[in-house]
C-alpha atoms as a PDB file:
ATOM      1  CA  MET A   1     209.655  67.036  36.451  1.00  0.00           C
ATOM      2  CA  ALA A   2     208.361  69.567  33.767  1.00  0.00           C
ATOM      3  CA  ASN A   3     207.200  73.103  33.703  1.00  0.00           C
ATOM      4  CA  TYR A   4     204.408  73.047  31.095  1.00  0.00           C
ATOM      5  CA  LEU A   5     202.782  76.237  29.726  1.00  0.00           C
ATOM      6  CA  ILE A   6     198.684  75.596  28.740  1.00  0.00           C
ATOM      7  CA  THR A   7     196.974  78.188  26.790  1.00  0.00           C
ATOM      8  CA  GLY A   8     193.365  78.063  27.608  1.00  0.00           C
ATOM      9  CA  GLY A   9     194.123  76.086  30.174  1.00  0.00           C
ATOM     10  CA  ALA A  10     191.157  77.378  32.175  1.00  0.00           C
ATOM     11  CA  GLY A  11     188.246  75.834  29.629  1.00  0.00           C
ATOM     12  CA  PHE A  12     187.047  72.619  30.051  1.00  0.00           C
ATOM     13  CA  ILE A  13     189.956  70.482  28.653  1.00  0.00           C
ATOM     14  CA  GLY A  14     192.482  72.751  30.067  1.00  0.00           C
ATOM     15  CA  SER A  15     191.400  72.308  33.271  1.00  0.00           C
ATOM     16  CA  HIS A  16     191.605  68.702  33.163  1.00  0.00           C
ATOM     17  CA  LEU A  17     194.817  68.629  31.751  1.00  0.00           C
ATOM     18  CA  SER A  18     195.997  71.226  34.147  1.00  0.00           C
ATOM     19  CA  GLU A  19     194.878  68.448  37.048  1.00  0.00           C
ATOM     20  CA  LYS A  20     196.234  65.637  35.225  1.00  0.00           C
ATOM     21  CA  LEU A  21     199.732  67.033  35.135  1.00  0.00           C
ATOM     22  CA  LEU A  22     199.815  68.263  38.558  1.00  0.00           C
ATOM     23  CA  ALA A  23     199.073  64.943  39.399  1.00  0.00           C
ATOM     24  CA  GLY A  24     202.143  63.467  38.003  1.00  0.00           C
ATOM     25  CA  GLY A  25     204.154  66.184  40.248  1.00  0.00           C
ATOM     26  CA  HIS A  26     204.634  68.577  37.189  1.00  0.00           C
ATOM     27  CA  SER A  27     204.618  72.269  37.399  1.00  0.00           C
ATOM     28  CA  VAL A  28     201.039  74.199  35.048  1.00  0.00           C
ATOM     29  CA  THR A  29     201.148  77.714  34.194  1.00  0.00           C
ATOM     30  CA  VAL A  30     197.413  78.298  33.024  1.00  0.00           C
ATOM     31  CA  LEU A  31     197.138  81.480  30.565  1.00  0.00           C
ATOM     32  CA  ASP A  32     193.628  82.205  29.798  1.00  0.00           C
ATOM     33  CA  ASP A  33     191.241  85.468  29.945  1.00  0.00           C
ATOM     34  CA  PHE A  34     187.904  83.126  30.714  1.00  0.00           C
ATOM     35  CA  SER A  35     186.852  84.613  27.517  1.00  0.00           C
ATOM     36  CA  SER A  36     185.559  80.736  27.551  1.00  0.00           C
ATOM     37  CA  GLY A  37     186.910  78.942  30.192  1.00  0.00           C
ATOM     38  CA  SER A  38     185.796  79.551  33.884  1.00  0.00           C
ATOM     39  CA  ARG A  39     187.320  80.724  36.884  1.00  0.00           C
ATOM     40  CA  GLN A  40     185.370  77.849  38.791  1.00  0.00           C
ATOM     41  CA  ASN A  41     187.229  74.988  36.357  1.00  0.00           C
ATOM     42  CA  ILE A  42     190.500  75.644  37.967  1.00  0.00           C
ATOM     43  CA  ALA A  43     189.069  77.534  41.282  1.00  0.00           C
ATOM     44  CA  HIS A  44     190.450  74.149  43.137  1.00  0.00           C
ATOM     45  CA  LEU A  45     194.134  74.890  42.011  1.00  0.00           C
ATOM     46  CA  LEU A  46     194.944  77.819  42.696  1.00  0.00           C
ATOM     47  CA  GLY A  47     196.304  77.010  46.186  1.00  0.00           C
ATOM     48  CA  GLU A  48     198.697  74.532  44.317  1.00  0.00           C
ATOM     49  CA  SER A  49     202.462  75.346  45.034  1.00  0.00           C
ATOM     50  CA  ARG A  50     202.603  74.246  41.282  1.00  0.00           C
ATOM     51  CA  PHE A  51     200.160  75.951  39.768  1.00  0.00           C
ATOM     52  CA  ARG A  52     200.485  79.303  38.195  1.00  0.00           C
ATOM     53  CA  LEU A  53     197.571  81.607  36.722  1.00  0.00           C
ATOM     54  CA  ALA A  54     198.484  84.421  34.308  1.00  0.00           C
ATOM     55  CA  GLU A  55     195.428  86.205  33.268  1.00  0.00           C
ATOM     56  CA  SER A  56     195.175  87.773  29.748  1.00  0.00           C
ATOM     57  CA  PRO A  57     194.227  86.727  26.023  1.00  0.00           C
ATOM     58  CA  VAL A  58     196.905  84.930  23.927  1.00  0.00           C
ATOM     59  CA  LEU A  59     196.614  87.840  22.111  1.00  0.00           C
ATOM     60  CA  GLY A  60     198.390  91.246  23.366  1.00  0.00           C
ATOM     61  CA  CYS A  61     199.876  88.831  26.602  1.00  0.00           C
ATOM     62  CA  ALA A  62     203.179  91.530  27.515  1.00  0.00           C
ATOM     63  CA  THR A  63     204.601  88.439  28.717  1.00  0.00           C
ATOM     64  CA  LEU A  64     203.651  85.642  26.463  1.00  0.00           C
ATOM     65  CA  GLY A  65     207.434  85.176  25.588  1.00  0.00           C
ATOM     66  CA  GLU A  66     208.764  85.253  29.367  1.00  0.00           C
ATOM     67  CA  LEU A  67     205.720  82.241  29.719  1.00  0.00           C
ATOM     68  CA  VAL A  68     206.846  80.105  26.854  1.00  0.00           C
ATOM     69  CA  ALA A  69     210.751  80.286  27.062  1.00  0.00           C
ATOM     70  CA  SER A  70     210.194  79.534  30.714  1.00  0.00           C
ATOM     71  CA  ALA A  71     208.152  76.203  29.888  1.00  0.00           C
ATOM     72  CA  ASP A  72     209.457  73.094  29.219  1.00  0.00           C
ATOM     73  CA  ALA A  73     206.411  72.574  26.155  1.00  0.00           C
ATOM     74  CA  VAL A  74     203.555  74.402  25.202  1.00  0.00           C
ATOM     75  CA  PHE A  75     199.622  73.004  25.144  1.00  0.00           C
ATOM     76  CA  HIS A  76     197.979  75.172  23.291  1.00  0.00           C
ATOM     77  CA  LEU A  77     194.378  75.024  23.464  1.00  0.00           C
ATOM     78  CA  ALA A  78     193.716  78.625  23.430  1.00  0.00           C
ATOM     79  CA  ALA A  79     190.755  78.929  20.009  1.00  0.00           C
ATOM     80  CA  THR A  80     187.778  80.699  20.005  1.00  0.00           C
ATOM     81  CA  VAL A  81     185.149  77.558  19.553  1.00  0.00           C
ATOM     82  CA  GLY A  82     181.356  76.571  18.844  1.00  0.00           C
ATOM     83  CA  VAL A  83     179.040  76.654  16.224  1.00  0.00           C
ATOM     84  CA  PHE A  84     177.285  79.612  17.760  1.00  0.00           C
ATOM     85  CA  ASN A  85     180.681  81.557  18.384  1.00  0.00           C
ATOM     86  CA  ILE A  86     181.452  80.755  14.561  1.00  0.00           C
ATOM     87  CA  ILE A  87     178.212  82.120  13.427  1.00  0.00           C
ATOM     88  CA  LYS A  88     177.741  85.160  15.634  1.00  0.00           C
ATOM     89  CA  SER A  89     181.344  86.447  15.411  1.00  0.00           C
ATOM     90  CA  PRO A  90     183.416  85.201  12.580  1.00  0.00           C
ATOM     91  CA  VAL A  91     186.293  88.029  12.243  1.00  0.00           C
ATOM     92  CA  GLU A  92     186.706  87.165  15.882  1.00  0.00           C
ATOM     93  CA  THR A  93     186.621  83.506  15.093  1.00  0.00           C
ATOM     94  CA  ILE A  94     189.383  83.661  12.470  1.00  0.00           C
ATOM     95  CA  GLY A  95     191.630  86.561  13.825  1.00  0.00           C
ATOM     96  CA  ASN A  96     191.849  84.424  17.618  1.00  0.00           C
ATOM     97  CA  ASN A  97     192.579  81.393  16.014  1.00  0.00           C
ATOM     98  CA  ILE A  98     195.022  82.198  13.311  1.00  0.00           C
ATOM     99  CA  ASP A  99     196.932  85.434  15.207  1.00  0.00           C
ATOM    100  CA  GLY A 100     197.099  83.651  18.268  1.00  0.00           C
ATOM    101  CA  THR A 101     198.377  80.461  17.205  1.00  0.00           C
ATOM    102  CA  GLN A 102     201.914  82.348  15.097  1.00  0.00           C
ATOM    103  CA  ALA A 103     201.931  84.395  18.551  1.00  0.00           C
ATOM    104  CA  VAL A 104     202.330  81.162  20.260  1.00  0.00           C
ATOM    105  CA  LEU A 105     204.880  79.382  17.610  1.00  0.00           C
ATOM    106  CA  ARG A 106     206.630  82.778  17.049  1.00  0.00           C
ATOM    107  CA  ALA A 107     207.441  82.727  20.796  1.00  0.00           C
ATOM    108  CA  ALA A 108     207.998  78.995  20.657  1.00  0.00           C
ATOM    109  CA  ALA A 109     210.986  79.770  17.848  1.00  0.00           C
ATOM    110  CA  VAL A 110     213.158  81.734  19.948  1.00  0.00           C
ATOM    111  CA  ARG A 111     214.019  78.398  22.079  1.00  0.00           C
ATOM    112  CA  LYS A 112     212.562  75.971  20.075  1.00  0.00           C
ATOM    113  CA  THR A 113     210.061  75.116  22.788  1.00  0.00           C
ATOM    114  CA  LYS A 114     208.019  72.189  22.205  1.00  0.00           C
ATOM    115  CA  VAL A 115     204.350  72.984  21.271  1.00  0.00           C
ATOM    116  CA  LEU A 116     201.375  70.542  21.048  1.00  0.00           C
ATOM    117  CA  LEU A 117     198.496  72.124  19.188  1.00  0.00           C
ATOM    118  CA  THR A 118     194.937  71.191  19.560  1.00  0.00           C
ATOM    119  CA  SER A 119     193.031  71.422  16.186  1.00  0.00           C
ATOM    120  CA  THR A 120     189.488  69.940  15.460  1.00  0.00           C
ATOM    121  CA  SER A 121     187.856  67.180  13.489  1.00  0.00           C
ATOM    122  CA  GLU A 122     185.660  70.160  11.896  1.00  0.00           C
ATOM    123  CA  VAL A 123     189.070  70.775   9.220  1.00  0.00           C
ATOM    124  CA  TYR A 124     187.707  67.581   7.172  1.00  0.00           C
ATOM    125  CA  GLY A 125     184.062  69.098   6.573  1.00  0.00           C
ATOM    126  CA  LYS A 126     182.101  67.453   4.259  1.00  0.00           C
ATOM    127  CA  SER A 127     184.113  64.682   3.567  1.00  0.00           C
ATOM    128  CA  ASP A 128     181.815  61.500   3.609  1.00  0.00           C
ATOM    129  CA  ARG A 129     185.104  59.301   3.729  1.00  0.00           C
ATOM    130  CA  ALA A 130     184.942  57.885   7.034  1.00  0.00           C
ATOM    131  CA  PRO A 131     186.229  56.865   9.508  1.00  0.00           C
ATOM    132  CA  PHE A 132     188.545  59.697   8.715  1.00  0.00           C
ATOM    133  CA  ALA A 133     192.226  59.584   8.414  1.00  0.00           C
ATOM    134  CA  GLU A 134     195.144  62.366   8.990  1.00  0.00           C
ATOM    135  CA  HIS A 135     196.502  61.668   5.215  1.00  0.00           C
ATOM    136  CA  ASP A 136     192.839  62.177   3.848  1.00  0.00           C
ATOM    137  CA  ASP A 137     191.742  65.296   1.891  1.00  0.00           C
ATOM    138  CA  LEU A 138     189.611  68.313   3.537  1.00  0.00           C
ATOM    139  CA  LEU A 139     186.334  68.998   1.814  1.00  0.00           C
ATOM    140  CA  LEU A 140     185.136  72.596   3.284  1.00  0.00           C
ATOM    141  CA  GLY A 141     182.219  74.466   1.854  1.00  0.00           C
ATOM    142  CA  PRO A 142     181.764  77.370  -0.194  1.00  0.00           C
ATOM    143  CA  THR A 143     183.170  81.170   1.465  1.00  0.00           C
ATOM    144  CA  THR A 144     179.704  82.623   1.616  1.00  0.00           C
ATOM    145  CA  LYS A 145     178.727  79.891   4.067  1.00  0.00           C
ATOM    146  CA  GLY A 146     180.152  80.874   7.570  1.00  0.00           C
ATOM    147  CA  ARG A 147     179.737  77.586   9.236  1.00  0.00           C
ATOM    148  CA  TRP A 148     183.392  76.790   7.374  1.00  0.00           C
ATOM    149  CA  SER A 149     185.256  79.676   8.926  1.00  0.00           C
ATOM    150  CA  TYR A 150     185.888  77.928  12.146  1.00  0.00           C
ATOM    151  CA  ALA A 151     187.595  74.709  10.226  1.00  0.00           C
ATOM    152  CA  ALA A 152     189.223  77.247   7.856  1.00  0.00           C
ATOM    153  CA  SER A 153     190.793  78.905  10.866  1.00  0.00           C
ATOM    154  CA  LYS A 154     191.803  75.873  12.159  1.00  0.00           C
ATOM    155  CA  ILE A 155     193.561  74.417   8.917  1.00  0.00           C
ATOM    156  CA  ILE A 156     195.649  77.615   8.890  1.00  0.00           C
ATOM    157  CA  ASP A 157     196.499  76.736  12.503  1.00  0.00           C
ATOM    158  CA  GLU A 158     197.831  73.348  11.787  1.00  0.00           C
ATOM    159  CA  PHE A 159     199.936  74.813   8.118  1.00  0.00           C
ATOM    160  CA  LEU A 160     201.470  77.631  10.537  1.00  0.00           C
ATOM    161  CA  ALA A 161     202.534  74.445  13.348  1.00  0.00           C
ATOM    162  CA  LEU A 162     203.953  72.316  10.362  1.00  0.00           C
ATOM    163  CA  ALA A 163     205.189  75.182   9.074  1.00  0.00           C
ATOM    164  CA  PHE A 164     207.113  76.296  12.137  1.00  0.00           C
ATOM    165  CA  TRP A 165     208.491  73.067  12.506  1.00  0.00           C
ATOM    166  CA  ARG A 166     209.676  72.681   8.966  1.00  0.00           C
ATOM    167  CA  GLU A 167     211.348  76.079   8.642  1.00  0.00           C
ATOM    168  CA  PHE A 168     212.448  77.016  11.888  1.00  0.00           C
ATOM    169  CA  GLY A 169     212.635  73.469  13.894  1.00  0.00           C
ATOM    170  CA  VAL A 170     210.123  74.860  16.502  1.00  0.00           C
ATOM    171  CA  PRO A 171     208.857  70.766  17.574  1.00  0.00           C
ATOM    172  CA  THR A 172     205.371  70.704  16.544  1.00  0.00           C
ATOM    173  CA  VAL A 173     202.479  68.174  17.476  1.00  0.00           C
ATOM    174  CA  VAL A 174     198.932  68.802  15.387  1.00  0.00           C
ATOM    175  CA  THR A 175     196.050  66.908  17.462  1.00  0.00           C
ATOM    176  CA  ARG A 176     192.435  66.871  15.968  1.00  0.00           C
ATOM    177  CA  LEU A 177     189.775  66.116  18.863  1.00  0.00           C
ATOM    178  CA  PHE A 178     186.966  64.687  17.993  1.00  0.00           C
ATOM    179  CA  ASN A 179     184.051  65.709  20.465  1.00  0.00           C
ATOM    180  CA  THR A 180     185.566  65.698  23.499  1.00  0.00           C
ATOM    181  CA  ILE A 181     182.986  65.122  26.451  1.00  0.00           C
ATOM    182  CA  GLY A 182     182.706  65.444  30.384  1.00  0.00           C
ATOM    183  CA  PRO A 183     182.298  67.242  32.981  1.00  0.00           C
ATOM    184  CA  ARG A 184     183.064  71.283  33.100  1.00  0.00           C
ATOM    185  CA  GLN A 185     181.729  71.353  29.270  1.00  0.00           C
ATOM    186  CA  THR A 186     179.565  74.176  28.664  1.00  0.00           C
ATOM    187  CA  GLY A 187     176.283  74.058  26.534  1.00  0.00           C
ATOM    188  CA  GLU A 188     176.722  77.597  25.858  1.00  0.00           C
ATOM    189  CA  TYR A 189     178.226  77.860  22.702  1.00  0.00           C
ATOM    190  CA  GLY A 190     176.402  74.938  21.000  1.00  0.00           C
ATOM    191  CA  MET A 191     177.958  71.627  22.349  1.00  0.00           C
ATOM    192  CA  VAL A 192     175.371  68.866  22.146  1.00  0.00           C
ATOM    193  CA  VAL A 193     175.846  66.835  25.394  1.00  0.00           C
ATOM    194  CA  PRO A 194     175.898  68.859  27.623  1.00  0.00           C
ATOM    195  CA  ARG A 195     172.744  70.928  26.423  1.00  0.00           C
ATOM    196  CA  PHE A 196     171.038  67.720  26.142  1.00  0.00           C
ATOM    197  CA  ILE A 197     171.871  67.036  29.398  1.00  0.00           C
ATOM    198  CA  SER A 198     170.898  70.108  30.853  1.00  0.00           C
ATOM    199  CA  GLN A 199     167.190  70.232  28.870  1.00  0.00           C
ATOM    200  CA  ALA A 200     166.643  66.514  29.888  1.00  0.00           C
ATOM    201  CA  LEU A 201     167.271  67.802  34.141  1.00  0.00           C
ATOM    202  CA  ARG A 202     164.547  70.476  33.628  1.00  0.00           C
ATOM    203  CA  GLY A 203     162.548  68.542  31.771  1.00  0.00           C
ATOM    204  CA  GLU A 204     162.418  70.033  28.794  1.00  0.00           C
ATOM    205  CA  SER A 205     162.644  69.229  24.864  1.00  0.00           C
ATOM    206  CA  LEU A 206     165.761  67.301  23.915  1.00  0.00           C
ATOM    207  CA  LYS A 207     166.245  70.077  21.084  1.00  0.00           C
ATOM    208  CA  VAL A 208     167.599  67.980  17.842  1.00  0.00           C
ATOM    209  CA  PHE A 209     169.074  70.149  15.108  1.00  0.00           C
ATOM    210  CA  GLY A 210     168.261  68.901  11.858  1.00  0.00           C
ATOM    211  CA  ASP A 211     166.533  65.079  11.191  1.00  0.00           C
ATOM    212  CA  GLY A 212     169.220  63.803  13.706  1.00  0.00           C
ATOM    213  CA  ARG A 213     170.286  61.323  11.018  1.00  0.00           C
ATOM    214  CA  GLN A 214     173.955  63.117  11.601  1.00  0.00           C
ATOM    215  CA  SER A 215     176.659  61.380  13.604  1.00  0.00           C
ATOM    216  CA  ARG A 216     179.514  61.415  16.260  1.00  0.00           C
ATOM    217  CA  SER A 217     181.875  59.740  17.914  1.00  0.00           C
ATOM    218  CA  PHE A 218     182.201  61.384  21.871  1.00  0.00           C
ATOM    219  CA  THR A 219     185.799  60.842  23.644  1.00  0.00           C
ATOM    220  CA  ASP A 220     185.528  61.262  27.377  1.00  0.00           C
ATOM    221  CA  VAL A 221     187.756  64.141  28.686  1.00  0.00           C
ATOM    222  CA  THR A 222     189.880  61.427  30.464  1.00  0.00           C
ATOM    223  CA  ASP A 223     191.012  59.635  27.513  1.00  0.00           C
ATOM    224  CA  VAL A 224     191.989  62.822  25.560  1.00  0.00           C
ATOM    225  CA  VAL A 225     193.917  64.022  28.257  1.00  0.00           C
ATOM    226  CA  GLU A 226     195.602  60.874  28.539  1.00  0.00           C
ATOM    227  CA  TRP A 227     196.539  60.962  24.761  1.00  0.00           C
ATOM    228  CA  LEU A 228     197.590  64.804  25.284  1.00  0.00           C
ATOM    229  CA  THR A 229     200.216  64.086  28.258  1.00  0.00           C
ATOM    230  CA  ARG A 230     201.591  60.737  26.430  1.00  0.00           C
ATOM    231  CA  LEU A 231     202.430  62.899  23.577  1.00  0.00           C
ATOM    232  CA  ILE A 232     204.407  65.596  24.747  1.00  0.00           C
ATOM    233  CA  SER A 233     207.180  62.851  25.426  1.00  0.00           C
ATOM    234  CA  VAL A 234     206.532  61.131  22.260  1.00  0.00           C
ATOM    235  CA  GLU A 235     209.674  62.124  19.816  1.00  0.00           C
ATOM    236  CA  ALA A 236     207.779  60.425  16.672  1.00  0.00           C
ATOM    237  CA  ALA A 237     204.843  62.796  17.272  1.00  0.00           C
ATOM    238  CA  VAL A 238     206.963  65.863  16.599  1.00  0.00           C
ATOM    239  CA  GLY A 239     205.893  67.084  12.855  1.00  0.00           C
ATOM    240  CA  GLN A 240     202.779  64.237  13.497  1.00  0.00           C
ATOM    241  CA  VAL A 241     198.749  65.519  12.938  1.00  0.00           C
ATOM    242  CA  LEU A 242     197.407  62.769  14.620  1.00  0.00           C
ATOM    243  CA  ASN A 243     193.508  62.113  15.135  1.00  0.00           C
ATOM    244  CA  LEU A 244     191.966  62.044  18.806  1.00  0.00           C
ATOM    245  CA  GLY A 245     189.341  60.269  19.318  1.00  0.00           C
ATOM    246  CA  ASN A 246     186.714  57.393  20.031  1.00  0.00           C
ATOM    247  CA  THR A 247     185.861  55.182  17.213  1.00  0.00           C
ATOM    248  CA  ILE A 248     182.227  54.591  18.531  1.00  0.00           C
ATOM    249  CA  GLU A 249     179.935  55.916  16.394  1.00  0.00           C
ATOM    250  CA  ILE A 250     175.856  57.325  17.409  1.00  0.00           C
ATOM    251  CA  SER A 251     173.208  59.608  15.886  1.00  0.00           C
ATOM    252  CA  ILE A 252     172.455  62.594  17.030  1.00  0.00           C
ATOM    253  CA  ALA A 253     168.813  61.147  17.546  1.00  0.00           C
ATOM    254  CA  GLU A 254     170.146  57.459  18.911  1.00  0.00           C
ATOM    255  CA  LEU A 255     172.545  60.238  21.255  1.00  0.00           C
ATOM    256  CA  ALA A 256     169.023  61.598  22.798  1.00  0.00           C
ATOM    257  CA  LYS A 257     167.575  58.346  23.590  1.00  0.00           C
ATOM    258  CA  ARG A 258     170.814  57.693  25.597  1.00  0.00           C
ATOM    259  CA  VAL A 259     170.659  61.028  27.630  1.00  0.00           C
ATOM    260  CA  ILE A 260     166.937  60.858  28.364  1.00  0.00           C
ATOM    261  CA  ALA A 261     167.443  57.477  29.849  1.00  0.00           C
ATOM    262  CA  VAL A 262     170.333  57.805  31.837  1.00  0.00           C
ATOM    263  CA  THR A 263     169.157  60.815  33.520  1.00  0.00           C
ATOM    264  CA  ARG A 264     165.464  59.324  34.050  1.00  0.00           C
ATOM    265  CA  SER A 265     163.690  61.732  32.053  1.00  0.00           C
ATOM    266  CA  ALA A 266     160.427  62.602  30.972  1.00  0.00           C
ATOM    267  CA  SER A 267     162.115  64.511  27.671  1.00  0.00           C
ATOM    268  CA  GLN A 268     160.547  64.118  24.544  1.00  0.00           C
ATOM    269  CA  ILE A 269     162.776  64.886  21.928  1.00  0.00           C
ATOM    270  CA  GLU A 270     162.222  68.287  18.921  1.00  0.00           C
ATOM    271  CA  TYR A 271     163.135  68.089  15.774  1.00  0.00           C
ATOM    272  CA  VAL A 272     164.373  71.689  15.367  1.00  0.00           C
ATOM    273  CA  PRO A 273     165.357  72.495  11.803  1.00  0.00           C
ATOM    274  CA  TYR A 274     168.947  74.140  10.846  1.00  0.00           C
ATOM    275  CA  SER A 275     167.497  77.424   9.228  1.00  0.00           C
ATOM    276  CA  GLN A 276     165.945  77.878  13.194  1.00  0.00           C
ATOM    277  CA  ALA A 277     169.295  76.535  14.835  1.00  0.00           C
ATOM    278  CA  TYR A 278     171.617  78.674  13.350  1.00  0.00           C
ATOM    279  CA  GLU A 279     171.289  80.409  10.044  1.00  0.00           C
ATOM    280  CA  TYR A 280     169.717  80.082   6.939  1.00  0.00           C
ATOM    281  CA  GLY A 281     171.512  77.538   4.469  1.00  0.00           C
ATOM    282  CA  PHE A 282     173.453  75.791   6.927  1.00  0.00           C
ATOM    283  CA  GLU A 283     175.499  72.774   6.425  1.00  0.00           C
ATOM    284  CA  ASP A 284     175.780  70.265   8.651  1.00  0.00           C
ATOM    285  CA  ILE A 285     178.684  67.479   8.587  1.00  0.00           C
ATOM    286  CA  ALA A 286     176.928  63.763   8.149  1.00  0.00           C
ATOM    287  CA  ARG A 287     179.183  61.428   9.706  1.00  0.00           C
ATOM    288  CA  ARG A 288     182.475  62.031  12.011  1.00  0.00           C
ATOM    289  CA  VAL A 289     184.334  59.568  13.208  1.00  0.00           C
ATOM    290  CA  PRO A 290     188.230  58.603  13.310  1.00  0.00           C
ATOM    291  CA  ASP A 291     190.932  56.549  11.925  1.00  0.00           C
ATOM    292  CA  ILE A 292     193.185  56.476  15.455  1.00  0.00           C
ATOM    293  CA  SER A 293     195.347  53.512  13.975  1.00  0.00           C
ATOM    294  CA  ARG A 294     198.100  56.472  14.100  1.00  0.00           C
ATOM    295  CA  VAL A 295     198.078  57.467  17.416  1.00  0.00           C
ATOM    296  CA  VAL A 296     197.227  54.382  19.191  1.00  0.00           C
ATOM    297  CA  ALA A 297     200.583  52.844  17.138  1.00  0.00           C
ATOM    298  CA  LEU A 298     202.489  56.388  19.207  1.00  0.00           C
ATOM    299  CA  THR A 299     201.261  55.901  22.553  1.00  0.00           C
ATOM    300  CA  GLY A 300     199.811  52.083  23.026  1.00  0.00           C
ATOM    301  CA  TYR A 301     196.755  53.678  24.247  1.00  0.00           C
ATOM    302  CA  ARG A 302     192.859  53.937  23.169  1.00  0.00           C
ATOM    303  CA  PRO A 303     189.794  55.145  24.639  1.00  0.00           C
ATOM    304  CA  GLN A 304     189.191  53.092  28.007  1.00  0.00           C
ATOM    305  CA  VAL A 305     185.923  54.893  29.166  1.00  0.00           C
ATOM    306  CA  GLY A 306     182.041  54.461  27.457  1.00  0.00           C
ATOM    307  CA  LEU A 307     179.713  56.720  26.350  1.00  0.00           C
ATOM    308  CA  ASP A 308     177.056  56.056  29.414  1.00  0.00           C
ATOM    309  CA  ARG A 309     179.685  56.641  32.003  1.00  0.00           C
ATOM    310  CA  THR A 310     180.952  59.730  30.756  1.00  0.00           C
ATOM    311  CA  LEU A 311     177.164  61.024  30.090  1.00  0.00           C
ATOM    312  CA  GLU A 312     176.300  59.812  34.084  1.00  0.00           C
ATOM    313  CA  ARG A 313     179.477  61.724  34.732  1.00  0.00           C
ATOM    314  CA  ILE A 314     177.833  64.878  33.319  1.00  0.00           C
ATOM    315  CA  ARG A 315     174.853  64.375  35.098  1.00  0.00           C
ATOM    316  CA  GLN A 316     175.950  64.108  38.243  1.00  0.00           C
ATOM    317  CA  SER A 317     178.572  67.270  37.727  1.00  0.00           C
ATOM    318  CA  GLN A 318     175.614  69.287  36.600  1.00  0.00           C
ATOM    319  CA  LEU A 319     173.444  68.035  39.446  1.00  0.00           C
ATOM    320  CA  ALA A 320     176.142  69.141  41.674  1.00  0.00           C
ATOM    321  CA  SER A 321     176.180  72.694  40.268  1.00  0.00           C
ATOM    322  CA  GLN A 322     172.724  73.348  40.275  1.00  0.00           C
ATOM    323  CA  VAL A 323     173.023  72.419  44.502  1.00  0.00           C
ATOM    324  CA  ALA A 324     176.271  74.966  44.440  1.00  0.00           C
ATOM    325  CA  GLY A 325     174.695  77.659  42.845  1.00  0.00           C
END
């Protein structure tokens, strides 16, 4: 059995990944400062003999070198995410993402520890060539639009990971995640699905930003975690960039209708201009759907969980949290 380090392991995806690895008999160390993750996400794991929590940010972690050296592989999930964070704290977003990734890679270079980096579909930017394939050109807006700083920081993260593989022999895998959803995800930073479900359960209007015609593809966190746990052991994935996502596309307006149906809510849909929701001149991405042929070929796995099932799981999770709170 292996020993894994998960940076950002108390976050939404990281906590599910921790559960999956522990269930497989592995040992897990989570490095997290709870800046966006939650202690509640991993509270049920703290009594596990094969689970360890190191409470610290990646940057400034005095024991980062030791944690990486003692791991068989590292899942680097820690990052500043969410559109609201990007607009509110661009300096912190850029610094945390780039400097944090470089710190992990430098530590991994000592013993050539494998690192799986989670990047984002945001890197495709404004490209209208869908579905997005990993070899496609990336098209971002101007630097005067702060909205693109997150995508730019994750592009640098990807370049760093691949450069450490080519120059120093650090085995790295880059994964681009497309709108992962599921229980424990918060809408606090702008994530649309938990925000919609929360609004529907309170009987409030579901606030759709823009005209609602922008489309996304949503992937259940269990499918993403399945991919991650498979990829960490696939040697052919080293040095690769891989899309992880569902290929079923849905508009945000239609998503709002699906949420209302699943929650059996009387909520209405309210359309909010981007300038009111975010900032003047905000640019959104019209479509975001992946080509997953590369990761399917490497892992033999395709998404198994449908959108309505995931929405129901999130509904139940939010209701349970309300009762517990």
